[in-house]
PDB file of N, CA and C in Angstrom:
ATOM      1  N   UNK A   1       0.817  -1.203   0.000  1.00  0.00           N
ATOM      2  CA  UNK A   1       0.000   0.000   0.000  1.00  0.00           C
ATOM      3  C   UNK A   1       0.855   1.260   0.000  1.00  0.00           C
ATOM      4  N   UNK A   2       1.874   1.272   0.883  1.00  0.00           N
ATOM      5  CA  UNK A   2       2.733   2.448   0.964  1.00  0.00           C
ATOM      6  C   UNK A   2       3.550   2.645  -0.309  1.00  0.00           C
ATOM      7  N   UNK A   3       3.952   1.526  -0.921  1.00  0.00           N
ATOM      8  CA  UNK A   3       4.715   1.631  -2.169  1.00  0.00           C
ATOM      9  C   UNK A   3       3.885   2.303  -3.257  1.00  0.00           C
ATOM     10  N   UNK A   4       2.617   1.984  -3.316  1.00  0.00           N
ATOM     11  CA  UNK A   4       1.733   2.578  -4.311  1.00  0.00           C
ATOM     12  C   UNK A   4       1.615   4.082  -4.090  1.00  0.00           C
ATOM     13  N   UNK A   5       1.410   4.488  -2.859  1.00  0.00           N
ATOM     14  CA  UNK A   5       1.270   5.911  -2.538  1.00  0.00           C
ATOM     15  C   UNK A   5       2.562   6.655  -2.861  1.00  0.00           C
ATOM     16  N   UNK A   6       3.690   6.088  -2.478  1.00  0.00           N
ATOM     17  CA  UNK A   6       4.983   6.720  -2.759  1.00  0.00           C
ATOM     18  C   UNK A   6       5.205   6.797  -4.270  1.00  0.00           C
ATOM     19  N   UNK A   7       4.854   5.742  -4.982  1.00  0.00           N
ATOM     20  CA  UNK A   7       4.984   5.740  -6.437  1.00  0.00           C
ATOM     21  C   UNK A   7       4.137   6.816  -7.088  1.00  0.00           C
ATOM     22  N   UNK A   8       2.915   6.992  -6.594  1.00  0.00           N
ATOM     23  CA  UNK A   8       2.046   8.034  -7.140  1.00  0.00           C
ATOM     24  C   UNK A   8       2.598   9.429  -6.862  1.00  0.00           C
ATOM     25  N   UNK A   9       3.151   9.633  -5.674  1.00  0.00           N
ATOM     26  CA  UNK A   9       3.765  10.926  -5.366  1.00  0.00           C
ATOM     27  C   UNK A   9       4.950  11.201  -6.286  1.00  0.00           C
ATOM     28  N   UNK A  10       5.744  10.192  -6.546  1.00  0.00           N
ATOM     29  CA  UNK A  10       6.904  10.373  -7.435  1.00  0.00           C
ATOM     30  C   UNK A  10       6.449  10.738  -8.844  1.00  0.00           C
ATOM     31  N   UNK A  11       5.447  10.045  -9.346  1.00  0.00           N
ATOM     32  CA  UNK A  11       4.921  10.355 -10.674  1.00  0.00           C
ATOM     33  C   UNK A  11       4.350  11.773 -10.699  1.00  0.00           C
ATOM     34  N   UNK A  12       3.631  12.142  -9.659  1.00  0.00           N
ATOM     35  CA  UNK A  12       3.044  13.482  -9.580  1.00  0.00           C
ATOM     36  C   UNK A  12       4.122  14.561  -9.612  1.00  0.00           C
ATOM     37  N   UNK A  13       5.169  14.406  -8.809  1.00  0.00           N
ATOM     38  CA  UNK A  13       6.221  15.415  -8.754  1.00  0.00           C
ATOM     39  C   UNK A  13       7.029  15.467 -10.044  1.00  0.00           C
ATOM     40  N   UNK A  14       7.251  14.329 -10.687  1.00  0.00           N
ATOM     41  CA  UNK A  14       7.961  14.329 -11.964  1.00  0.00           C
ATOM     42  C   UNK A  14       7.133  15.030 -13.039  1.00  0.00           C
ATOM     43  N   UNK A  15       5.817  14.838 -12.993  1.00  0.00           N
ATOM     44  CA  UNK A  15       4.941  15.510 -13.953  1.00  0.00           C
ATOM     45  C   UNK A  15       4.984  17.021 -13.758  1.00  0.00           C
ATOM     46  N   UNK A  16       4.911  17.464 -12.511  1.00  0.00           N
ATOM     47  CA  UNK A  16       4.989  18.892 -12.220  1.00  0.00           C
ATOM     48  C   UNK A  16       6.329  19.454 -12.697  1.00  0.00           C
ATOM     49  N   UNK A  17       7.398  18.733 -12.447  1.00  0.00           N
ATOM     50  CA  UNK A  17       8.727  19.172 -12.869  1.00  0.00           C
ATOM     51  C   UNK A  17       8.788  19.299 -14.394  1.00  0.00           C
ATOM     52  N   UNK A  18       8.214  18.347 -15.114  1.00  0.00           N
ATOM     53  CA  UNK A  18       8.221  18.381 -16.579  1.00  0.00           C
ATOM     54  C   UNK A  18       7.429  19.569 -17.107  1.00  0.00           C
ATOM     55  N   UNK A  19       6.324  19.904 -16.452  1.00  0.00           N
ATOM     56  CA  UNK A  19       5.513  21.043 -16.891  1.00  0.00           C
ATOM     57  C   UNK A  19       6.308  22.336 -16.756  1.00  0.00           C
ATOM     58  N   UNK A  20       6.970  22.525 -15.636  1.00  0.00           N
ATOM     59  CA  UNK A  20       7.730  23.750 -15.435  1.00  0.00           C
ATOM     60  C   UNK A  20       8.958  23.799 -16.336  1.00  0.00           C
ATOM     61  N   UNK A  21       9.587  22.670 -16.591  1.00  0.00           N
ATOM     62  CA  UNK A  21      10.746  22.645 -17.484  1.00  0.00           C
ATOM     63  C   UNK A  21      10.309  23.047 -18.891  1.00  0.00           C
ATOM     64  N   UNK A  22       9.179  22.558 -19.331  1.00  0.00           N
ATOM     65  CA  UNK A  22       8.679  22.893 -20.653  1.00  0.00           C
ATOM     66  C   UNK A  22       8.380  24.384 -20.747  1.00  0.00           C
ATOM     67  N   UNK A  23       7.842  24.947 -19.690  1.00  0.00           N
ATOM     68  CA  UNK A  23       7.551  26.377 -19.675  1.00  0.00           C
ATOM     69  C   UNK A  23       8.848  27.173 -19.767  1.00  0.00           C
ATOM     70  N   UNK A  24       9.863  26.714 -19.065  1.00  0.00           N
ATOM     71  CA  UNK A  24      11.159  27.385 -19.127  1.00  0.00           C
ATOM     72  C   UNK A  24      11.750  27.339 -20.523  1.00  0.00           C
ATOM     73  N   UNK A  25      11.588  26.194 -21.194  1.00  0.00           N
ATOM     74  CA  UNK A  25      12.068  26.077 -22.567  1.00  0.00           C
ATOM     75  C   UNK A  25      11.336  27.053 -23.483  1.00  0.00           C
ATOM     76  N   UNK A  26      10.038  27.204 -23.283  1.00  0.00           N
ATOM     77  CA  UNK A  26       9.270  28.153 -24.092  1.00  0.00           C
ATOM     78  C   UNK A  26       9.707  29.591 -23.831  1.00  0.00           C
ATOM     79  N   UNK A  27      10.010  29.902 -22.590  1.00  0.00           N
ATOM     80  CA  UNK A  27      10.471  31.251 -22.256  1.00  0.00           C
ATOM     81  C   UNK A  27      11.798  31.545 -22.945  1.00  0.00           C
ATOM     82  N   UNK A  28      12.717  30.581 -22.915  1.00  0.00           N
ATOM     83  CA  UNK A  28      14.007  30.773 -23.585  1.00  0.00           C
ATOM     84  C   UNK A  28      13.840  30.931 -25.096  1.00  0.00           C
ATOM     85  N   UNK A  29      12.967  30.129 -25.678  1.00  0.00           N
ATOM     86  CA  UNK A  29      12.729  30.245 -27.116  1.00  0.00           C
ATOM     87  C   UNK A  29      12.122  31.606 -27.453  1.00  0.00           C
ATOM     88  N   UNK A  30      11.197  32.062 -26.622  1.00  0.00           N
ATOM     89  CA  UNK A  30      10.579  33.363 -26.834  1.00  0.00           C
ATOM     90  C   UNK A  30      11.619  34.481 -26.775  1.00  0.00           C
ATOM     91  N   UNK A  31      12.522  34.419 -25.805  1.00  0.00           N
ATOM     92  CA  UNK A  31      13.576  35.424 -25.709  1.00  0.00           C
ATOM     93  C   UNK A  31      14.476  35.417 -26.935  1.00  0.00           C
ATOM     94  N   UNK A  32      14.820  34.229 -27.419  1.00  0.00           N
ATOM     95  CA  UNK A  32      15.665  34.127 -28.613  1.00  0.00           C
ATOM     96  C   UNK A  32      14.958  34.720 -29.829  1.00  0.00           C
ATOM     97  N   UNK A  33      13.672  34.441 -29.979  1.00  0.00           N
ATOM     98  CA  UNK A  33      12.926  34.982 -31.115  1.00  0.00           C
ATOM     99  C   UNK A  33      12.788  36.498 -31.029  1.00  0.00           C
ATOM    100  N   UNK A  34      12.617  37.020 -29.817  1.00  0.00           N
ATOM    101  CA  UNK A  34      12.551  38.478 -29.656  1.00  0.00           C
ATOM    102  C   UNK A  34      13.872  39.137 -30.061  1.00  0.00           C
ATOM    103  N   UNK A  35      14.981  38.492 -29.690  1.00  0.00           N
ATOM    104  CA  UNK A  35      16.296  39.016 -30.057  1.00  0.00           C
ATOM    105  C   UNK A  35      16.477  39.003 -31.572  1.00  0.00           C
ATOM    106  N   UNK A  36      16.055  37.931 -32.213  1.00  0.00           N
ATOM    107  CA  UNK A  36      16.159  37.844 -33.669  1.00  0.00           C
ATOM    108  C   UNK A  36      15.300  38.911 -34.338  1.00  0.00           C
ATOM    109  N   UNK A  37      14.107  39.133 -33.820  1.00  0.00           N
ATOM    110  CA  UNK A  37      13.218  40.148 -34.384  1.00  0.00           C
ATOM    111  C   UNK A  37      13.809  41.542 -34.221  1.00  0.00           C
ATOM    112  N   UNK A  38      14.385  41.824 -33.070  1.00  0.00           N
ATOM    113  CA  UNK A  38      15.001  43.133 -32.842  1.00  0.00           C
ATOM    114  C   UNK A  38      16.171  43.347 -33.805  1.00  0.00           C
ATOM    115  N   UNK A  39      16.973  42.317 -34.023  1.00  0.00           N
ATOM    116  CA  UNK A  39      18.100  42.409 -34.955  1.00  0.00           C
ATOM    117  C   UNK A  39      17.596  42.633 -36.375  1.00  0.00           C
ATOM    118  N   UNK A  40      16.546  41.939 -36.750  1.00  0.00           N
ATOM    119  CA  UNK A  40      15.956  42.090 -38.092  1.00  0.00           C
ATOM    120  C   UNK A  40      15.455  43.520 -38.289  1.00  0.00           C
ATOM    121  N   UNK A  41      14.791  44.076 -37.287  1.00  0.00           N
ATOM    122  CA  UNK A  41      14.262  45.435 -37.413  1.00  0.00           C
ATOM    123  C   UNK A  41      15.390  46.452 -37.581  1.00  0.00           C
ATOM    124  N   UNK A  42      16.480  46.279 -36.860  1.00  0.00           N
ATOM    125  CA  UNK A  42      17.620  47.197 -36.961  1.00  0.00           C
ATOM    126  C   UNK A  42      18.232  47.104 -38.364  1.00  0.00           C
ATOM    127  N   UNK A  43      18.423  45.893 -38.853  1.00  0.00           N
ATOM    128  CA  UNK A  43      19.004  45.708 -40.183  1.00  0.00           C
ATOM    129  C   UNK A  43      18.102  46.295 -41.263  1.00  0.00           C
ATOM    130  N   UNK A  44      16.790  46.097 -41.118  1.00  0.00           N
ATOM    131  CA  UNK A  44      15.844  46.613 -42.105  1.00  0.00           C
ATOM    132  C   UNK A  44      15.842  48.146 -42.092  1.00  0.00           C
ATOM    133  N   UNK A  45      15.949  48.724 -40.908  1.00  0.00           N
ATOM    134  CA  UNK A  45      15.980  50.187 -40.793  1.00  0.00           C
ATOM    135  C   UNK A  45      17.241  50.755 -41.463  1.00  0.00           C
ATOM    136  N   UNK A  46      18.370  50.042 -41.320  1.00  0.00           N
ATOM    137  CA  UNK A  46      19.627  50.496 -41.928  1.00  0.00           C
ATOM    138  C   UNK A  46      19.578  50.427 -43.452  1.00  0.00           C
ATOM    139  N   UNK A  47      18.795  49.529 -44.017  1.00  0.00           N
ATOM    140  CA  UNK A  47      18.703  49.386 -45.470  1.00  0.00           C
ATOM    141  C   UNK A  47      17.939  50.556 -46.097  1.00  0.00           C
ATOM    142  N   UNK A  48      17.043  51.163 -45.358  1.00  0.00           N
ATOM    143  CA  UNK A  48      16.202  52.250 -45.911  1.00  0.00           C
ATOM    144  C   UNK A  48      16.906  53.543 -45.926  1.00  0.00           C
TER     145      UNK A  48
END
């Protein structure tokens, strides 16, 4: 009985950890895309 409860807690915490890790990955990707967009805008402005 205790093994089942402990196993469920482990699965629950690993799931929570995976959700937050995925969110962190999205935040990093968003920052990278913002940087690329800012660089593109500067280059486009210099061409005009």
